[in-house]
Every structure is written in C-alpha cells, then in structure tokens.
Amino acid sequence: RAFSNYAMGWFRQAPGKERDFVAAVSWSGLRTYYT
C-alpha cells in the first residue's frame, strides 16, 4: 500500500564495505539527490 507516499532510494554495498547511499527521489519525483 501507498507506494507513492514514500521517497525511494538506491544504496550499494561493495564486498567488504559498508552499504552506501547512491541516489534518492521524492514521492512526487520532482526532487532527486545523488552522491
């Protein structure tokens, strides 16, 4: 339920490293942010 209420993001984890932020998009799609 309510997928459109959530901001969505992509993270990545390389071998032996922490899970890091890559990109995010707001619920409307109008705002984005990148590492």
PDB file of all heavy atoms in Angstrom:
ATOM      1  N   ARG A   1       0.806  -1.205   0.000  1.00  0.00           N
ATOM      2  CA  ARG A   1       0.000   0.000   0.000  1.00  0.00           C
ATOM      3  C   ARG A   1       0.848   1.268   0.000  1.00  0.00           C
ATOM      4  O   ARG A   1       1.930   1.295   0.532  1.00  0.00           O
ATOM      5  CB  ARG A   1      -0.908   0.007   1.226  1.00  0.00           C
ATOM      6  CG  ARG A   1      -1.900  -1.138   1.269  1.00  0.00           C
ATOM      7  CD  ARG A   1      -2.924  -0.933   2.350  1.00  0.00           C
ATOM      8  NE  ARG A   1      -2.321  -0.809   3.662  1.00  0.00           N
ATOM      9  CZ  ARG A   1      -3.007  -0.534   4.764  1.00  0.00           C
ATOM     10  NH1 ARG A   1      -4.300  -0.320   4.698  1.00  0.00           N
ATOM     11  NH2 ARG A   1      -2.396  -0.454   5.925  1.00  0.00           N
ATOM     12  N   ALA A   2       0.283   2.301  -0.626  1.00  0.00           N
ATOM     13  CA  ALA A   2       0.806   3.661  -0.508  1.00  0.00           C
ATOM     14  C   ALA A   2       2.248   3.813  -0.993  1.00  0.00           C
ATOM     15  O   ALA A   2       3.024   4.562  -0.391  1.00  0.00           O
ATOM     16  CB  ALA A   2       0.691   4.138   0.936  1.00  0.00           C
ATOM     17  N   PHE A   3       2.588   3.149  -2.071  1.00  0.00           N
ATOM     18  CA  PHE A   3       3.941   3.301  -2.633  1.00  0.00           C
ATOM     19  C   PHE A   3       4.241   4.759  -2.906  1.00  0.00           C
ATOM     20  O   PHE A   3       5.343   5.241  -2.634  1.00  0.00           O
ATOM     21  CB  PHE A   3       4.051   2.478  -3.914  1.00  0.00           C
ATOM     22  CG  PHE A   3       5.248   2.835  -4.763  1.00  0.00           C
ATOM     23  CD1 PHE A   3       6.511   2.400  -4.396  1.00  0.00           C
ATOM     24  CD2 PHE A   3       5.107   3.583  -5.914  1.00  0.00           C
ATOM     25  CE1 PHE A   3       7.623   2.710  -5.167  1.00  0.00           C
ATOM     26  CE2 PHE A   3       6.209   3.904  -6.703  1.00  0.00           C
ATOM     27  CZ  PHE A   3       7.469   3.468  -6.325  1.00  0.00           C
ATOM     28  N   SER A   4       3.265   5.481  -3.446  1.00  0.00           N
ATOM     29  CA  SER A   4       3.518   6.861  -3.848  1.00  0.00           C
ATOM     30  C   SER A   4       3.723   7.796  -2.662  1.00  0.00           C
ATOM     31  O   SER A   4       4.086   8.953  -2.844  1.00  0.00           O
ATOM     32  CB  SER A   4       2.371   7.374  -4.724  1.00  0.00           C
ATOM     33  OG  SER A   4       1.146   7.326  -4.016  1.00  0.00           O
ATOM     34  N   ASN A   5       3.488   7.318  -1.449  1.00  0.00           N
ATOM     35  CA  ASN A   5       3.730   8.139  -0.264  1.00  0.00           C
ATOM     36  C   ASN A   5       5.196   8.149   0.149  1.00  0.00           C
ATOM     37  O   ASN A   5       5.590   8.965   0.982  1.00  0.00           O
ATOM     38  CB  ASN A   5       2.894   7.632   0.916  1.00  0.00           C
ATOM     39  CG  ASN A   5       1.417   7.938   0.748  1.00  0.00           C
ATOM     40  OD1 ASN A   5       1.031   8.704  -0.137  1.00  0.00           O
ATOM     41  ND2 ASN A   5       0.604   7.328   1.568  1.00  0.00           N
ATOM     42  N   TYR A   6       5.981   7.246  -0.396  1.00  0.00           N
ATOM     43  CA  TYR A   6       7.355   7.066   0.051  1.00  0.00           C
ATOM     44  C   TYR A   6       8.353   7.686  -0.915  1.00  0.00           C
ATOM     45  O   TYR A   6       8.193   7.602  -2.129  1.00  0.00           O
ATOM     46  CB  TYR A   6       7.687   5.582   0.189  1.00  0.00           C
ATOM     47  CG  TYR A   6       7.013   4.910   1.348  1.00  0.00           C
ATOM     48  CD1 TYR A   6       5.778   4.289   1.184  1.00  0.00           C
ATOM     49  CD2 TYR A   6       7.609   4.895   2.599  1.00  0.00           C
ATOM     50  CE1 TYR A   6       5.158   3.666   2.251  1.00  0.00           C
ATOM     51  CE2 TYR A   6       6.987   4.273   3.671  1.00  0.00           C
ATOM     52  CZ  TYR A   6       5.767   3.662   3.490  1.00  0.00           C
ATOM     53  OH  TYR A   6       5.149   3.048   4.542  1.00  0.00           O
ATOM     54  N   ALA A   7       9.394   8.282  -0.342  1.00  0.00           N
ATOM     55  CA  ALA A   7      10.587   8.552  -1.129  1.00  0.00           C
ATOM     56  C   ALA A   7      11.283   7.220  -1.380  1.00  0.00           C
ATOM     57  O   ALA A   7      11.163   6.285  -0.586  1.00  0.00           O
ATOM     58  CB  ALA A   7      11.519   9.481  -0.370  1.00  0.00           C
ATOM     59  N   MET A   8      11.995   7.138  -2.481  1.00  0.00           N
ATOM     60  CA  MET A   8      12.693   5.908  -2.842  1.00  0.00           C
ATOM     61  C   MET A   8      14.169   6.193  -3.020  1.00  0.00           C
ATOM     62  O   MET A   8      14.562   7.291  -3.449  1.00  0.00           O
ATOM     63  CB  MET A   8      12.112   5.332  -4.130  1.00  0.00           C
ATOM     64  CG  MET A   8      10.641   4.969  -4.039  1.00  0.00           C
ATOM     65  SD  MET A   8      10.322   3.688  -2.818  1.00  0.00           S
ATOM     66  CE  MET A   8      11.229   2.318  -3.527  1.00  0.00           C
ATOM     67  N   GLY A   9      14.970   5.203  -2.702  1.00  0.00           N
ATOM     68  CA  GLY A   9      16.407   5.391  -2.838  1.00  0.00           C
ATOM     69  C   GLY A   9      17.103   4.141  -3.329  1.00  0.00           C
ATOM     70  O   GLY A   9      16.535   3.038  -3.288  1.00  0.00           O
ATOM     71  N   TRP A  10      18.309   4.335  -3.817  1.00  0.00           N
ATOM     72  CA  TRP A  10      19.206   3.239  -4.171  1.00  0.00           C
ATOM     73  C   TRP A  10      20.458   3.362  -3.312  1.00  0.00           C
ATOM     74  O   TRP A  10      21.025   4.461  -3.179  1.00  0.00           O
ATOM     75  CB  TRP A  10      19.585   3.284  -5.644  1.00  0.00           C
ATOM     76  CG  TRP A  10      18.487   2.901  -6.579  1.00  0.00           C
ATOM     77  CD1 TRP A  10      17.613   3.732  -7.208  1.00  0.00           C
ATOM     78  CD2 TRP A  10      18.148   1.574  -6.992  1.00  0.00           C
ATOM     79  NE1 TRP A  10      16.748   3.006  -7.978  1.00  0.00           N
ATOM     80  CE2 TRP A  10      17.053   1.673  -7.877  1.00  0.00           C
ATOM     81  CE3 TRP A  10      18.656   0.302  -6.705  1.00  0.00           C
ATOM     82  CZ2 TRP A  10      16.465   0.565  -8.472  1.00  0.00           C
ATOM     83  CZ3 TRP A  10      18.069  -0.803  -7.305  1.00  0.00           C
ATOM     84  CH2 TRP A  10      16.974  -0.673  -8.175  1.00  0.00           C
ATOM     85  N   PHE A  11      20.855   2.260  -2.750  1.00  0.00           N
ATOM     86  CA  PHE A  11      22.096   2.142  -1.999  1.00  0.00           C
ATOM     87  C   PHE A  11      22.928   1.032  -2.635  1.00  0.00           C
ATOM     88  O   PHE A  11      22.401   0.219  -3.384  1.00  0.00           O
ATOM     89  CB  PHE A  11      21.803   1.787  -0.537  1.00  0.00           C
ATOM     90  CG  PHE A  11      21.182   2.904   0.259  1.00  0.00           C
ATOM     91  CD1 PHE A  11      19.889   3.326   0.008  1.00  0.00           C
ATOM     92  CD2 PHE A  11      21.894   3.524   1.280  1.00  0.00           C
ATOM     93  CE1 PHE A  11      19.309   4.352   0.747  1.00  0.00           C
ATOM     94  CE2 PHE A  11      21.326   4.550   2.031  1.00  0.00           C
ATOM     95  CZ  PHE A  11      20.023   4.956   1.767  1.00  0.00           C
ATOM     96  N   ARG A  12      24.203   0.985  -2.319  1.00  0.00           N
ATOM     97  CA  ARG A  12      25.039  -0.090  -2.830  1.00  0.00           C
ATOM     98  C   ARG A  12      26.057  -0.513  -1.795  1.00  0.00           C
ATOM     99  O   ARG A  12      26.468   0.277  -0.948  1.00  0.00           O
ATOM    100  CB  ARG A  12      25.746   0.330  -4.120  1.00  0.00           C
ATOM    101  CG  ARG A  12      26.757   1.466  -3.978  1.00  0.00           C
ATOM    102  CD  ARG A  12      27.267   1.870  -5.355  1.00  0.00           C
ATOM    103  NE  ARG A  12      28.220   2.978  -5.275  1.00  0.00           N
ATOM    104  CZ  ARG A  12      28.724   3.597  -6.339  1.00  0.00           C
ATOM    105  NH1 ARG A  12      28.373   3.211  -7.571  1.00  0.00           N
ATOM    106  NH2 ARG A  12      29.579   4.584  -6.181  1.00  0.00           N
ATOM    107  N   GLN A  13      26.435  -1.785  -1.904  1.00  0.00           N
ATOM    108  CA  GLN A  13      27.398  -2.351  -0.968  1.00  0.00           C
ATOM    109  C   GLN A  13      28.423  -3.171  -1.731  1.00  0.00           C
ATOM    110  O   GLN A  13      28.084  -4.206  -2.313  1.00  0.00           O
ATOM    111  CB  GLN A  13      26.700  -3.208   0.083  1.00  0.00           C
ATOM    112  CG  GLN A  13      27.600  -3.675   1.198  1.00  0.00           C
ATOM    113  CD  GLN A  13      26.819  -4.229   2.381  1.00  0.00           C
ATOM    114  OE1 GLN A  13      25.619  -4.524   2.285  1.00  0.00           O
ATOM    115  NE2 GLN A  13      27.471  -4.344   3.521  1.00  0.00           N
ATOM    116  N   ALA A  14      29.647  -2.691  -1.717  1.00  0.00           N
ATOM    117  CA  ALA A  14      30.744  -3.412  -2.345  1.00  0.00           C
ATOM    118  C   ALA A  14      31.281  -4.460  -1.370  1.00  0.00           C
ATOM    119  O   ALA A  14      31.098  -4.313  -0.153  1.00  0.00           O
ATOM    120  CB  ALA A  14      31.847  -2.440  -2.748  1.00  0.00           C
ATOM    121  N   PRO A  15      31.954  -5.492  -1.862  1.00  0.00           N
ATOM    122  CA  PRO A  15      32.476  -6.528  -0.974  1.00  0.00           C
ATOM    123  C   PRO A  15      33.363  -5.953   0.124  1.00  0.00           C
ATOM    124  O   PRO A  15      34.282  -5.171  -0.155  1.00  0.00           O
ATOM    125  CB  PRO A  15      33.280  -7.428  -1.921  1.00  0.00           C
ATOM    126  CG  PRO A  15      32.644  -7.223  -3.248  1.00  0.00           C
ATOM    127  CD  PRO A  15      32.211  -5.787  -3.287  1.00  0.00           C
ATOM    128  N   GLY A  16      33.059  -6.305   1.357  1.00  0.00           N
ATOM    129  CA  GLY A  16      33.869  -5.870   2.479  1.00  0.00           C
ATOM    130  C   GLY A  16      33.669  -4.430   2.897  1.00  0.00           C
ATOM    131  O   GLY A  16      34.420  -3.914   3.739  1.00  0.00           O
ATOM    132  N   LYS A  17      32.665  -3.776   2.319  1.00  0.00           N
ATOM    133  CA  LYS A  17      32.444  -2.367   2.644  1.00  0.00           C
ATOM    134  C   LYS A  17      31.035  -2.142   3.195  1.00  0.00           C
ATOM    135  O   LYS A  17      30.184  -3.027   3.152  1.00  0.00           O
ATOM    136  CB  LYS A  17      32.671  -1.502   1.404  1.00  0.00           C
ATOM    137  CG  LYS A  17      34.116  -1.539   0.913  1.00  0.00           C
ATOM    138  CD  LYS A  17      34.358  -0.500  -0.170  1.00  0.00           C
ATOM    139  CE  LYS A  17      35.810  -0.465  -0.589  1.00  0.00           C
ATOM    140  NZ  LYS A  17      36.072   0.568  -1.627  1.00  0.00           N
ATOM    141  N   GLU A  18      30.819  -0.930   3.684  1.00  0.00           N
ATOM    142  CA  GLU A  18      29.516  -0.564   4.199  1.00  0.00           C
ATOM    143  C   GLU A  18      28.524  -0.329   3.061  1.00  0.00           C
ATOM    144  O   GLU A  18      28.915  -0.113   1.915  1.00  0.00           O
ATOM    145  CB  GLU A  18      29.633   0.729   5.021  1.00  0.00           C
ATOM    146  CG  GLU A  18      30.508   0.620   6.258  1.00  0.00           C
ATOM    147  CD  GLU A  18      29.862  -0.257   7.314  1.00  0.00           C
ATOM    148  OE1 GLU A  18      28.645  -0.112   7.526  1.00  0.00           O
ATOM    149  OE2 GLU A  18      30.564  -1.089   7.907  1.00  0.00           O
ATOM    150  N   ARG A  19      27.254  -0.376   3.399  1.00  0.00           N
ATOM    151  CA  ARG A  19      26.212  -0.054   2.422  1.00  0.00           C
ATOM    152  C   ARG A  19      26.099   1.468   2.341  1.00  0.00           C
ATOM    153  O   ARG A  19      25.816   2.137   3.333  1.00  0.00           O
ATOM    154  CB  ARG A  19      24.879  -0.665   2.840  1.00  0.00           C
ATOM    155  CG  ARG A  19      23.807  -0.575   1.760  1.00  0.00           C
ATOM    156  CD  ARG A  19      22.558  -1.302   2.158  1.00  0.00           C
ATOM    157  NE  ARG A  19      22.794  -2.719   2.427  1.00  0.00           N
ATOM    158  CZ  ARG A  19      21.838  -3.603   2.687  1.00  0.00           C
ATOM    159  NH1 ARG A  19      20.571  -3.206   2.717  1.00  0.00           N
ATOM    160  NH2 ARG A  19      22.133  -4.860   2.922  1.00  0.00           N
ATOM    161  N   ASP A  20      26.305   1.995   1.140  1.00  0.00           N
ATOM    162  CA  ASP A  20      26.374   3.442   0.942  1.00  0.00           C
ATOM    163  C   ASP A  20      25.228   3.955   0.090  1.00  0.00           C
ATOM    164  O   ASP A  20      24.734   3.265  -0.807  1.00  0.00           O
ATOM    165  CB  ASP A  20      27.687   3.830   0.257  1.00  0.00           C
ATOM    166  CG  ASP A  20      28.898   3.586   1.136  1.00  0.00           C
ATOM    167  OD1 ASP A  20      28.778   3.705   2.367  1.00  0.00           O
ATOM    168  OD2 ASP A  20      29.965   3.270   0.582  1.00  0.00           O
ATOM    169  N   PHE A  21      24.867   5.193   0.343  1.00  0.00           N
ATOM    170  CA  PHE A  21      23.826   5.864  -0.419  1.00  0.00           C
ATOM    171  C   PHE A  21      24.291   6.134  -1.846  1.00  0.00           C
ATOM    172  O   PHE A  21      25.440   6.514  -2.074  1.00  0.00           O
ATOM    173  CB  PHE A  21      23.470   7.187   0.268  1.00  0.00           C
ATOM    174  CG  PHE A  21      22.604   8.091  -0.543  1.00  0.00           C
ATOM    175  CD1 PHE A  21      21.235   7.881  -0.621  1.00  0.00           C
ATOM    176  CD2 PHE A  21      23.149   9.155  -1.236  1.00  0.00           C
ATOM    177  CE1 PHE A  21      20.430   8.715  -1.369  1.00  0.00           C
ATOM    178  CE2 PHE A  21      22.355  10.001  -1.991  1.00  0.00           C
ATOM    179  CZ  PHE A  21      20.997   9.783  -2.056  1.00  0.00           C
ATOM    180  N   VAL A  22      23.364   5.987  -2.804  1.00  0.00           N
ATOM    181  CA  VAL A  22      23.658   6.295  -4.200  1.00  0.00           C
ATOM    182  C   VAL A  22      22.775   7.436  -4.693  1.00  0.00           C
ATOM    183  O   VAL A  22      23.266   8.439  -5.201  1.00  0.00           O
ATOM    184  CB  VAL A  22      23.462   5.060  -5.097  1.00  0.00           C
ATOM    185  CG1 VAL A  22      23.678   5.424  -6.569  1.00  0.00           C
ATOM    186  CG2 VAL A  22      24.393   3.932  -4.685  1.00  0.00           C
ATOM    187  N   ALA A  23      21.445   7.267  -4.565  1.00  0.00           N
ATOM    188  CA  ALA A  23      20.523   8.254  -5.121  1.00  0.00           C
ATOM    189  C   ALA A  23      19.180   8.141  -4.428  1.00  0.00           C
ATOM    190  O   ALA A  23      18.834   7.079  -3.904  1.00  0.00           O
ATOM    191  CB  ALA A  23      20.348   8.047  -6.623  1.00  0.00           C
ATOM    192  N   ALA A  24      18.420   9.241  -4.436  1.00  0.00           N
ATOM    193  CA  ALA A  24      17.080   9.249  -3.877  1.00  0.00           C
ATOM    194  C   ALA A  24      16.159  10.098  -4.740  1.00  0.00           C
ATOM    195  O   ALA A  24      16.607  11.042  -5.405  1.00  0.00           O
ATOM    196  CB  ALA A  24      17.087   9.788  -2.444  1.00  0.00           C
ATOM    197  N   VAL A  25      14.879   9.756  -4.694  1.00  0.00           N
ATOM    198  CA  VAL A  25      13.865  10.519  -5.417  1.00  0.00           C
ATOM    199  C   VAL A  25      12.676  10.693  -4.487  1.00  0.00           C
ATOM    200  O   VAL A  25      12.294   9.770  -3.758  1.00  0.00           O
ATOM    201  CB  VAL A  25      13.468   9.811  -6.734  1.00  0.00           C
ATOM    202  CG1 VAL A  25      12.912   8.416  -6.485  1.00  0.00           C
ATOM    203  CG2 VAL A  25      12.485  10.653  -7.538  1.00  0.00           C
ATOM    204  N   SER A  26      12.094  11.886  -4.481  1.00  0.00           N
ATOM    205  CA  SER A  26      10.958  12.158  -3.610  1.00  0.00           C
ATOM    206  C   SER A  26       9.712  11.434  -4.096  1.00  0.00           C
ATOM    207  O   SER A  26       9.681  10.891  -5.202  1.00  0.00           O
ATOM    208  CB  SER A  26      10.698  13.659  -3.557  1.00  0.00           C
ATOM    209  OG  SER A  26      10.363  14.139  -4.858  1.00  0.00           O
ATOM    210  N   TRP A  27       8.652  11.469  -3.298  1.00  0.00           N
ATOM    211  CA  TRP A  27       7.447  10.728  -3.652  1.00  0.00           C
ATOM    212  C   TRP A  27       6.856  11.218  -4.975  1.00  0.00           C
ATOM    213  O   TRP A  27       6.294  10.440  -5.733  1.00  0.00           O
ATOM    214  CB  TRP A  27       6.392  10.867  -2.548  1.00  0.00           C
ATOM    215  CG  TRP A  27       5.855  12.265  -2.394  1.00  0.00           C
ATOM    216  CD1 TRP A  27       6.330  13.254  -1.595  1.00  0.00           C
ATOM    217  CD2 TRP A  27       4.738  12.823  -3.103  1.00  0.00           C
ATOM    218  NE1 TRP A  27       5.592  14.399  -1.742  1.00  0.00           N
ATOM    219  CE2 TRP A  27       4.602  14.169  -2.656  1.00  0.00           C
ATOM    220  CE3 TRP A  27       3.845  12.338  -4.053  1.00  0.00           C
ATOM    221  CZ2 TRP A  27       3.626  15.005  -3.147  1.00  0.00           C
ATOM    222  CZ3 TRP A  27       2.861  13.181  -4.528  1.00  0.00           C
ATOM    223  CH2 TRP A  27       2.755  14.504  -4.071  1.00  0.00           C
ATOM    224  N   SER A  28       7.023  12.510  -5.246  1.00  0.00           N
ATOM    225  CA  SER A  28       6.462  13.087  -6.473  1.00  0.00           C
ATOM    226  C   SER A  28       7.373  12.900  -7.677  1.00  0.00           C
ATOM    227  O   SER A  28       6.947  13.074  -8.822  1.00  0.00           O
ATOM    228  CB  SER A  28       6.233  14.582  -6.270  1.00  0.00           C
ATOM    229  OG  SER A  28       7.474  15.245  -6.089  1.00  0.00           O
ATOM    230  N   GLY A  29       8.630  12.588  -7.414  1.00  0.00           N
ATOM    231  CA  GLY A  29       9.607  12.500  -8.498  1.00  0.00           C
ATOM    232  C   GLY A  29      10.255  13.826  -8.841  1.00  0.00           C
ATOM    233  O   GLY A  29      11.157  13.874  -9.678  1.00  0.00           O
ATOM    234  N   LEU A  30       9.838  14.889  -8.170  1.00  0.00           N
ATOM    235  CA  LEU A  30      10.336  16.229  -8.523  1.00  0.00           C
ATOM    236  C   LEU A  30      11.695  16.541  -7.901  1.00  0.00           C
ATOM    237  O   LEU A  30      12.429  17.399  -8.394  1.00  0.00           O
ATOM    238  CB  LEU A  30       9.316  17.288  -8.105  1.00  0.00           C
ATOM    239  CG  LEU A  30       7.967  17.227  -8.824  1.00  0.00           C
ATOM    240  CD1 LEU A  30       7.045  18.319  -8.310  1.00  0.00           C
ATOM    241  CD2 LEU A  30       8.156  17.355 -10.341  1.00  0.00           C
ATOM    242  N   ARG A  31      11.992  15.895  -6.794  1.00  0.00           N
ATOM    243  CA  ARG A  31      13.286  16.115  -6.152  1.00  0.00           C
ATOM    244  C   ARG A  31      14.130  14.856  -6.269  1.00  0.00           C
ATOM    245  O   ARG A  31      13.646  13.755  -6.041  1.00  0.00           O
ATOM    246  CB  ARG A  31      13.097  16.459  -4.675  1.00  0.00           C
ATOM    247  CG  ARG A  31      12.493  17.821  -4.393  1.00  0.00           C
ATOM    248  CD  ARG A  31      12.425  18.057  -2.897  1.00  0.00           C
ATOM    249  NE  ARG A  31      11.459  17.171  -2.256  1.00  0.00           N
ATOM    250  CZ  ARG A  31      11.394  16.952  -0.952  1.00  0.00           C
ATOM    251  NH1 ARG A  31      12.279  17.535  -0.145  1.00  0.00           N
ATOM    252  NH2 ARG A  31      10.471  16.160  -0.445  1.00  0.00           N
ATOM    253  N   THR A  32      15.388  15.061  -6.626  1.00  0.00           N
ATOM    254  CA  THR A  32      16.352  13.964  -6.655  1.00  0.00           C
ATOM    255  C   THR A  32      17.637  14.408  -5.973  1.00  0.00           C
ATOM    256  O   THR A  32      17.919  15.607  -5.853  1.00  0.00           O
ATOM    257  CB  THR A  32      16.668  13.508  -8.090  1.00  0.00           C
ATOM    258  OG1 THR A  32      17.185  14.633  -8.828  1.00  0.00           O
ATOM    259  CG2 THR A  32      15.438  12.964  -8.784  1.00  0.00           C
ATOM    260  N   TYR A  33      18.398  13.424  -5.548  1.00  0.00           N
ATOM    261  CA  TYR A  33      19.671  13.713  -4.881  1.00  0.00           C
ATOM    262  C   TYR A  33      20.611  12.561  -5.143  1.00  0.00           C
ATOM    263  O   TYR A  33      20.192  11.395  -5.146  1.00  0.00           O
ATOM    264  CB  TYR A  33      19.442  13.892  -3.377  1.00  0.00           C
ATOM    265  CG  TYR A  33      20.662  14.357  -2.625  1.00  0.00           C
ATOM    266  CD1 TYR A  33      21.050  15.686  -2.659  1.00  0.00           C
ATOM    267  CD2 TYR A  33      21.432  13.464  -1.888  1.00  0.00           C
ATOM    268  CE1 TYR A  33      22.166  16.123  -1.982  1.00  0.00           C
ATOM    269  CE2 TYR A  33      22.557  13.889  -1.206  1.00  0.00           C
ATOM    270  CZ  TYR A  33      22.920  15.225  -1.253  1.00  0.00           C
ATOM    271  OH  TYR A  33      24.028  15.651  -0.586  1.00  0.00           O
ATOM    272  N   TYR A  34      21.897  12.885  -5.365  1.00  0.00           N
ATOM    273  CA  TYR A  34      22.891  11.868  -5.715  1.00  0.00           C
ATOM    274  C   TYR A  34      24.149  12.023  -4.880  1.00  0.00           C
ATOM    275  O   TYR A  34      24.524  13.141  -4.509  1.00  0.00           O
ATOM    276  CB  TYR A  34      23.278  11.999  -7.185  1.00  0.00           C
ATOM    277  CG  TYR A  34      22.131  11.833  -8.154  1.00  0.00           C
ATOM    278  CD1 TYR A  34      21.380  12.925  -8.565  1.00  0.00           C
ATOM    279  CD2 TYR A  34      21.802  10.577  -8.664  1.00  0.00           C
ATOM    280  CE1 TYR A  34      20.322  12.769  -9.443  1.00  0.00           C
ATOM    281  CE2 TYR A  34      20.752  10.411  -9.553  1.00  0.00           C
ATOM    282  CZ  TYR A  34      20.018  11.516  -9.927  1.00  0.00           C
ATOM    283  OH  TYR A  34      18.968  11.359 -10.811  1.00  0.00           O
ATOM    284  N   THR A  35      24.803  10.915  -4.633  1.00  0.00           N
ATOM    285  CA  THR A  35      26.130  11.006  -4.069  1.00  0.00           C
ATOM    286  C   THR A  35      27.068  11.553  -5.131  1.00  0.00           C
ATOM    287  O   THR A  35      26.844  11.370  -6.343  1.00  0.00           O
ATOM    288  CB  THR A  35      26.600   9.627  -3.562  1.00  0.00           C
ATOM    289  OG1 THR A  35      27.764   9.784  -2.768  1.00  0.00           O
ATOM    290  CG2 THR A  35      26.873   8.661  -4.705  1.00  0.00           C
TER     291      THR A  35
END
